[in-house]
């Protein structure tokens, strides 16, 4: 079984600590690629440089991040990241020929519910996949763990038909680290697994991919708690509004609260346009998914249109 691992070379940046001399009103962003390939980085449509990128002078809030690889045969990636003052959010991405064949992680930090505990929130696409911490199974995504000791851990997420990813987040007491992971589909060619080159460690902190393949087994079709059917709304609402981007599953879950473990209210088809309620927290966006009905969607698979 092929495995791809991305090393975290500077784990402190994933801990979400406030850095000495780092203005608390400013937020940081670090962007890298698993293979070290170059990509242009845009924040809210403005070019800020190339990968590997590290910026410590950004305005806190929900920001649209877009990565455009130099290799034009590969798919660009766009997502929304929640930046918080005094902390650095980390994006690590592995480009594929299509978005389905691409994968990566986003690390975002927020205050925890208990200052004496270190919390790890895990959100994945697809969800309902096996999560292992330090080699031990912890259940299926999405989930929140608050029984882990402070410090570095090995986090592995795997599903049949997808490339397994392993990251090395560092947890800190009093904080919740949210790791949002997208698994890339295994590429099959004439019934044979297509080789994936081993990446070299990025020069900046990055999480990691691994690959587990079962060529004859179809990807997991995750069950939903509510059994809700998907909704598609393509009529453009007044600004601001949210557009559901490609998710790899064809739809995006709407949840009751801004986390991956809360109740599922509905599913929005890719391409849906829904009113944005001008609230964002921990990478989640508050929307009106039907008239008079509100919920939250992951900003990793949605983009806010304000003008």
Protein backbone atom coordinates (compact mmCIF):
# COMPACT_ATOMS: atom_id res chain seq x y z
CA UNK A 1 0.00 0.00 0.00
CA UNK A 2 1.47 3.34 -1.08
CA UNK A 3 1.68 6.01 1.56
CA UNK A 4 2.46 9.70 1.24
CA UNK A 5 3.49 11.60 4.35
CA UNK A 6 3.87 15.34 4.80
CA UNK A 7 6.15 16.33 7.65
CA UNK A 8 5.45 19.22 9.99
CA UNK A 9 8.82 20.86 10.38
CA UNK A 10 7.76 23.72 12.61
CA UNK A 11 4.98 22.37 14.78
CA UNK A 12 4.75 25.54 16.84
CA UNK A 13 2.95 27.19 13.94
CA UNK A 14 0.26 24.56 14.20
CA UNK A 15 -0.13 25.07 17.92
CA UNK A 16 -1.92 28.36 17.47
CA UNK A 17 0.13 30.14 20.13
CA UNK A 18 0.38 33.90 20.23
CA UNK A 19 3.90 34.75 19.15
CA UNK A 20 6.18 37.23 20.96
CA UNK A 21 6.04 40.54 19.15
CA UNK A 22 3.15 39.34 16.99
CA UNK A 23 0.48 42.06 17.13
CA UNK A 24 -2.67 40.57 18.60
CA UNK A 25 -4.80 42.50 16.12
CA UNK A 26 -3.00 40.90 13.17
CA UNK A 27 -3.41 37.35 11.90
CA UNK A 28 -0.98 35.03 10.18
CA UNK A 29 -1.29 32.67 7.22
CA UNK A 30 1.09 29.97 6.07
CA UNK A 31 0.56 28.18 2.75
CA UNK A 32 2.58 25.25 1.42
CA UNK A 33 2.28 22.38 -1.03
CA UNK A 34 3.03 18.78 -0.10
CA UNK A 35 5.36 18.26 -3.07
CA UNK A 36 7.02 21.64 -2.84
CA UNK A 37 5.69 22.71 -6.24
CA UNK A 38 5.13 26.41 -6.84
CA UNK A 39 1.69 27.97 -6.77
CA UNK A 40 0.49 31.57 -6.74
CA UNK A 41 -1.44 32.55 -3.61
CA UNK A 42 -4.37 34.98 -3.64
CA UNK A 43 -6.14 36.37 -0.55
CA UNK A 44 -9.56 37.87 -1.29
CA UNK A 45 -8.54 38.07 -4.96
CA UNK A 46 -5.24 39.88 -4.31
CA UNK A 47 -1.92 38.21 -5.14
CA UNK A 48 0.26 37.88 -2.03
CA UNK A 49 3.11 35.75 -3.41
CA UNK A 50 4.03 32.14 -4.13
CA UNK A 51 4.29 28.98 -2.05
CA UNK A 52 5.86 28.43 0.36
CA UNK A 53 4.26 31.56 1.82
CA UNK A 54 4.20 32.97 5.32
CA UNK A 55 2.47 36.23 6.18
CA UNK A 56 1.96 37.68 9.66
CA UNK A 57 0.29 40.96 8.78
CA UNK A 58 -3.24 40.04 7.71
CA UNK A 59 -6.54 41.34 8.98
CA UNK A 60 -8.46 38.78 11.09
CA UNK A 61 -11.69 37.39 9.73
CA UNK A 62 -12.97 35.06 7.04
CA UNK A 63 -10.69 35.22 3.99
CA UNK A 64 -10.97 33.59 0.57
CA UNK A 65 -7.72 31.78 -0.28
CA UNK A 66 -6.98 30.68 -3.84
CA UNK A 67 -4.00 28.60 -5.00
CA UNK A 68 -3.09 28.52 -8.70
CA UNK A 69 -0.36 25.97 -9.56
CA UNK A 70 2.37 26.77 -12.08
CA UNK A 71 1.56 23.46 -13.73
CA UNK A 72 -1.48 24.41 -15.79
CA UNK A 73 -2.48 20.75 -16.18
CA UNK A 74 -3.46 20.71 -12.50
CA UNK A 75 -6.57 22.14 -10.87
CA UNK A 76 -6.59 25.38 -8.89
CA UNK A 77 -7.95 25.35 -5.35
CA UNK A 78 -10.11 27.90 -3.57
CA UNK A 79 -11.40 27.88 -0.01
CA UNK A 80 -12.33 30.11 2.92
CA UNK A 81 -10.08 30.29 5.97
CA UNK A 82 -10.86 31.91 9.32
CA UNK A 83 -7.90 34.03 10.46
CA UNK A 84 -7.68 34.98 14.14
CA UNK A 85 -5.58 37.72 15.73
CA UNK A 86 -2.26 36.57 17.16
CA UNK A 87 -2.43 33.14 15.47
CA UNK A 88 -1.22 31.58 12.25
CA UNK A 89 -3.60 29.47 10.18
CA UNK A 90 -1.95 26.83 7.99
CA UNK A 91 -3.00 25.56 4.56
CA UNK A 92 -1.23 22.60 2.97
CA UNK A 93 -2.34 21.32 -0.42
CA UNK A 94 -1.53 18.55 -2.88
CA UNK A 95 -2.53 19.42 -6.45
CA UNK A 96 -4.16 16.89 -8.76
CA UNK A 97 -5.39 17.09 -12.34
CA UNK A 98 -8.90 17.66 -10.99
CA UNK A 99 -10.25 18.89 -7.68
CA UNK A 100 -11.43 15.34 -6.92
CA UNK A 101 -7.84 14.11 -7.31
CA UNK A 102 -6.52 16.91 -5.05
CA UNK A 103 -6.30 16.92 -1.28
CA UNK A 104 -4.94 18.76 1.71
CA UNK A 105 -5.50 20.22 5.15
CA UNK A 106 -6.39 23.48 6.84
CA UNK A 107 -5.33 24.13 10.45
CA UNK A 108 -7.32 26.77 12.32
CA UNK A 109 -7.09 27.69 15.98
CA UNK A 110 -9.70 29.03 18.41
CA UNK A 111 -10.17 29.30 22.15
CA UNK A 112 -11.17 25.98 23.71
CA UNK A 113 -14.10 25.35 26.02
CA UNK A 114 -11.78 24.37 28.89
CA UNK A 115 -8.50 26.13 29.54
CA UNK A 116 -7.08 22.98 31.14
CA UNK A 117 -7.71 20.79 28.08
CA UNK A 118 -6.34 20.67 24.57
CA UNK A 119 -9.03 20.00 21.96
CA UNK A 120 -8.80 18.56 18.47
CA UNK A 121 -11.70 19.01 16.04
CA UNK A 122 -11.59 16.86 12.90
CA UNK A 123 -13.64 17.61 9.79
CA UNK A 124 -13.17 15.63 6.58
CA UNK A 125 -14.40 15.36 3.01
CA UNK A 126 -15.77 12.78 2.60
CA UNK A 127 -16.94 12.44 6.19
CA UNK A 128 -17.68 9.22 8.06
CA UNK A 129 -14.08 8.04 7.54
CA UNK A 130 -11.76 6.31 10.00
CA UNK A 131 -9.71 8.62 12.23
CA UNK A 132 -6.59 7.41 14.02
CA UNK A 133 -4.56 9.37 16.55
CA UNK A 134 -1.10 8.06 17.37
CA UNK A 135 -2.02 4.82 15.61
CA UNK A 136 -5.19 4.20 17.62
CA UNK A 137 -8.67 4.34 16.08
CA UNK A 138 -10.81 7.14 17.56
CA UNK A 139 -13.96 6.60 15.52
CA UNK A 140 -15.38 8.20 12.40
CA UNK A 141 -15.28 11.80 11.24
CA UNK A 142 -16.46 14.36 12.02
CA UNK A 143 -15.54 14.32 15.69
CA UNK A 144 -14.06 16.37 18.52
CA UNK A 145 -11.46 14.94 20.91
CA UNK A 146 -10.75 16.59 24.26
CA UNK A 147 -8.88 13.74 25.97
CA UNK A 148 -5.54 14.17 24.23
CA UNK A 149 -2.47 15.41 26.05
CA UNK A 150 -0.80 18.65 25.09
CA UNK A 151 1.90 18.32 22.45
CA UNK A 152 2.45 16.75 19.04
CA UNK A 153 0.35 13.83 17.75
CA UNK A 154 0.05 11.76 14.61
CA UNK A 155 -3.35 12.15 12.94
CA UNK A 156 -4.33 9.71 10.18
CA UNK A 157 -7.50 9.70 8.06
CA UNK A 158 -8.28 6.89 5.64
CA UNK A 159 -11.12 5.65 3.45
CA UNK A 160 -11.28 3.00 0.70
CA UNK A 161 -10.75 4.52 -2.74
CA UNK A 162 -9.09 7.66 -1.35
CA UNK A 163 -5.49 8.63 -0.62
CA UNK A 164 -4.84 8.39 3.10
CA UNK A 165 -3.46 11.50 4.78
CA UNK A 166 -1.37 11.76 7.92
CA UNK A 167 -0.56 15.03 9.67
CA UNK A 168 1.31 15.95 12.85
CA UNK A 169 -0.64 18.66 14.68
CA UNK A 170 0.58 20.16 17.95
CA UNK A 171 -2.07 20.70 20.63
CA UNK A 172 -1.98 23.39 23.31
CA UNK A 173 -4.01 23.61 26.52
CA UNK A 174 -6.88 26.04 26.38
CA UNK A 175 -7.14 25.92 22.58
CA UNK A 176 -9.12 23.97 20.01
CA UNK A 177 -7.24 23.07 16.85
CA UNK A 178 -9.59 22.39 13.93
CA UNK A 179 -8.10 20.23 11.20
CA UNK A 180 -10.18 20.21 8.02
CA UNK A 181 -8.98 17.54 5.60
CA UNK A 182 -9.98 16.76 2.03
CA UNK A 183 -9.00 13.30 0.82
CA UNK A 184 -8.03 12.91 -2.83
CA UNK A 185 -9.57 10.07 -4.82
CA UNK A 186 -7.28 7.30 -5.94
CA UNK A 187 -6.56 7.60 -9.65
CA UNK A 188 -7.19 4.36 -11.51
CA UNK A 189 -6.04 3.67 -15.06
CA UNK A 190 -7.36 0.64 -16.91
CA UNK A 191 -7.94 -1.09 -13.59
CA UNK A 192 -4.43 -0.37 -12.30
CA UNK A 193 -3.50 2.12 -9.63
CA UNK A 194 -1.76 5.13 -11.09
CA UNK A 195 1.50 5.82 -9.31
CA UNK A 196 1.67 8.84 -7.03
CA UNK A 197 5.16 10.31 -6.62
CA UNK A 198 6.52 10.56 -3.11
CA UNK A 199 6.60 14.22 -2.09
CA UNK A 200 9.54 15.90 -0.44
CA UNK A 201 8.94 17.62 2.91
CA UNK A 202 7.83 21.22 2.55
CA UNK A 203 10.13 23.90 3.93
CA UNK A 204 7.25 25.29 5.97
CA UNK A 205 5.03 23.40 8.40
CA UNK A 206 2.76 21.07 6.58
CA UNK A 207 0.49 18.16 7.28
CA UNK A 208 0.59 14.90 5.35
CA UNK A 209 -0.95 12.50 2.83
CA UNK A 210 -0.80 8.71 2.75
CA UNK A 211 -2.40 6.35 0.30
CA UNK A 212 -4.52 3.29 0.88
CA UNK A 213 -6.05 1.57 -2.13
CA UNK A 214 -8.68 -1.07 -2.67
CA UNK A 215 -9.18 -0.91 -6.45
CA UNK A 216 -12.34 -2.99 -6.55
CA UNK A 217 -14.05 -1.24 -3.66
CA UNK A 218 -16.11 1.88 -4.23
CA UNK A 219 -15.60 4.95 -2.02
CA UNK A 220 -17.65 5.13 1.14
CA UNK A 221 -21.06 6.69 0.73
CA UNK A 222 -21.40 8.31 4.14
CA UNK A 223 -24.78 7.91 5.84
CA UNK A 224 -26.48 10.98 7.23
CA UNK A 225 -28.12 11.28 10.59
CA UNK A 226 -31.17 13.01 9.23
CA UNK A 227 -31.44 11.26 5.89
CA UNK A 228 -31.99 14.70 4.34
CA UNK A 229 -32.26 15.07 0.58
CA UNK A 230 -30.07 17.59 -1.22
CA UNK A 231 -31.23 21.07 -2.20
CA UNK A 232 -30.11 23.06 -5.22
CA UNK A 233 -30.81 26.78 -5.53
CA UNK A 234 -29.24 28.49 -8.54
CA UNK A 235 -31.21 31.75 -8.46
CA UNK A 236 -28.72 34.41 -7.43
CA UNK A 237 -29.84 36.02 -4.12
CA UNK A 238 -28.98 39.61 -3.11
CA UNK A 239 -25.43 40.24 -1.94
CA UNK A 240 -23.82 38.92 0.14
CA UNK A 241 -24.40 35.27 -0.76
CA UNK A 242 -22.57 31.96 -0.52
CA UNK A 243 -21.78 29.68 -3.45
CA UNK A 244 -21.20 25.97 -2.80
CA UNK A 245 -17.98 24.86 -4.52
CA UNK A 246 -16.90 21.38 -5.61
CA UNK A 247 -16.79 19.01 -2.62
CA UNK A 248 -16.01 15.65 -4.15
CA UNK A 249 -19.39 14.28 -3.02
CA UNK A 250 -21.67 16.51 -5.11
CA UNK A 251 -23.18 18.26 -2.09
CA UNK A 252 -22.31 20.10 1.12
CA UNK A 253 -23.86 19.45 4.54
CA UNK A 254 -25.69 22.25 6.37
CA UNK A 255 -25.28 21.90 10.14
CA UNK A 256 -27.12 23.40 13.10
CA UNK A 257 -23.93 24.83 14.66
CA UNK A 258 -20.49 25.84 13.44
CA UNK A 259 -18.80 22.47 13.85
CA UNK A 260 -18.66 19.13 12.07
CA UNK A 261 -20.36 17.17 14.84
CA UNK A 262 -23.61 19.14 15.13
CA UNK A 263 -26.95 18.04 13.68
CA UNK A 264 -27.25 17.91 9.90
CA UNK A 265 -30.13 20.12 8.72
CA UNK A 266 -29.87 19.69 4.95
CA UNK A 267 -27.50 19.15 2.04
CA UNK A 268 -26.83 21.76 -0.64
CA UNK A 269 -25.86 20.62 -4.13
CA UNK A 270 -22.62 21.91 -5.64
CA UNK A 271 -23.34 25.23 -7.38
CA UNK A 272 -26.10 26.26 -4.97
CA UNK A 273 -26.38 29.98 -4.17
CA UNK A 274 -27.80 30.91 -0.76
CA UNK A 275 -27.95 34.13 1.33
CA UNK A 276 -24.95 34.74 3.60
CA UNK A 277 -25.85 36.02 7.09
CA UNK A 278 -22.54 37.84 7.67
CA UNK A 279 -21.36 35.50 10.39
CA UNK A 280 -18.23 33.33 10.24
CA UNK A 281 -16.51 31.35 12.97
CA UNK A 282 -13.77 28.70 12.95
CA UNK A 283 -14.00 28.46 9.17
CA UNK A 284 -17.80 28.01 9.13
CA UNK A 285 -20.26 30.34 7.38
CA UNK A 286 -23.81 31.09 8.53
CA UNK A 287 -26.39 30.90 5.74
CA UNK A 288 -30.12 30.82 5.04
CA UNK A 289 -30.46 27.50 3.20
CA UNK A 290 -34.24 27.82 2.80
CA UNK A 291 -36.61 30.72 3.45
CA UNK A 292 -36.59 31.28 7.21
CA UNK A 293 -34.20 28.37 7.86
CA UNK A 294 -30.64 29.06 8.97
CA UNK A 295 -27.57 26.87 9.38
CA UNK A 296 -23.80 26.63 8.97
CA UNK A 297 -21.61 25.29 6.16
CA UNK A 298 -17.87 24.65 6.06
CA UNK A 299 -16.04 27.56 4.45
CA UNK A 300 -13.59 25.12 2.89
CA UNK A 301 -16.19 24.20 0.28
CA UNK A 302 -18.02 27.50 -0.07
CA UNK A 303 -17.11 31.01 -1.16
CA UNK A 304 -18.68 34.29 -0.06
CA UNK A 305 -19.67 36.79 -2.77
CA UNK A 306 -19.87 40.33 -1.41
CA UNK A 307 -19.70 42.44 -4.56
